[in-house]
Amino acid sequence: MIKNHLIVLGIAVFVLPCRLSIAEAPPDGMDIFAKIMQSRLQLERGHISIETRYSDTTVKSLQKNWDIWFDGAKIRSEVTLDGISDALCLDCYDKMTRLHYTTRKPPEPDGKMALAFYDGYEMPSVIFYIPDPRWFGGLSLTIEAGQYQFPAEMYGSKREKYAVSPIAVSDSVQNIDCWRIDYKLPKGPTQAVWVDKSDVSRVLRAESCFTVEEAGQTVEFVDGVDSETEKYQDKTWFPNKLTYRRTEDGKETMSAIANITLHSLNEPLPADTFSPKGIRFLKPNTPVEWNLDRDRPVAKGQLIWDGNEVVALDEFRQMMRESTRFSSFRVFIILLGIAFICLGIGLKLHKRFSA
């Protein structure tokens, strides 16, 4: 009997650690990336609002408010800062067309800001970014830096180009058991992402570490973002809060908190969402700056947005309208003069006959 118990105990001592090691064996990092990518690509379309507050050691704190609509490759963003609103849109006129419009005051005193059309990626770099919500939290980037040009392959098959194969190790974030996957770009920073062990498509943290030579000294920068997430319709994780931090040699120099409101996800969007008609602060009779390498809607003449489409400004009609307004004013002045003359004559006659 004792012998049998010893045999059972020996088997348990041998098997139990094996089962534990199997249960805790790290999954393949590439498999995790594939699951993250699959989950993010399930976010086909949606509308979100973002309130972002930044704090920087070198500038005053500031707040930006965003609205972002997306549907496949189509993305439109409207951002407001210090009372000035900017609209950016990809595929809002036709494929691979970018639009930009701003309420900023024009440089000319009597000028008007134009609705600008650009081919694909030919926009000026200062207005290039269009944030893509599908990758929020998955990369260690602020809202501004989360530009559209980051492709889905960031978590896809092109990972084999990376110098170090991703390997998952056990860790913890936000008191949640995680796998941490470390990897390195061929000529870039060291990267890491933390995913929930119970559902690896849920990214809880992303971090990037790189060094810069400044005045003969090497400074280590660490950019990180923590995501607070909710599961939408029990299918897909989506962040409702993102917290960004940057440190330089361990000292925090920048932080930002983005509170996200999800208005719709994977539901139909209004028909005019990805048309200039969808830009809420774009008004009719706005001049159009045509930078597209294709035929203009109208061969000649100044282009304007009339509220429904791009058309040519009919200068003759405009002149006639102005002439009509001028003529009406002139007639009013003439009639007013005649009235005063008649009044003067009437007063003189009244005095003569009353005397």
Foldseek 3Di string as FASTA:
>chain_A
DVVVVVVVVVVCVVVVVVVVCVVQPFDFPLVLLVLLLVQLVLQAWFKKKKWKWKDFPVDHIFIKIKIWTHGHLWIWMWIDTPRKIKIWIACLPHHQKIWIDIPDDDPDPPDFTFTEIAGRQPDPPVPRFGADQSCVQVALDDRRPNGSVPDSCVSNDVCVQFPDGWTWDWDDDPNATWTKTWTGHPPAWTKIWTAHPVRSSHTFKIKTWDWDQDPNDIKIKMKMKGFDWDADPVRHIGGQKIWIWMDINRHTGMIMIMGMDTPDTPDDDDPSCSHPLNPPPDAAFHWYHYHDPDADPDNDATWTHGNPDIDHDPVVVVVVVVVVVVVVVVVVVVVVVVVVVVVVVVVVVVVVVVD
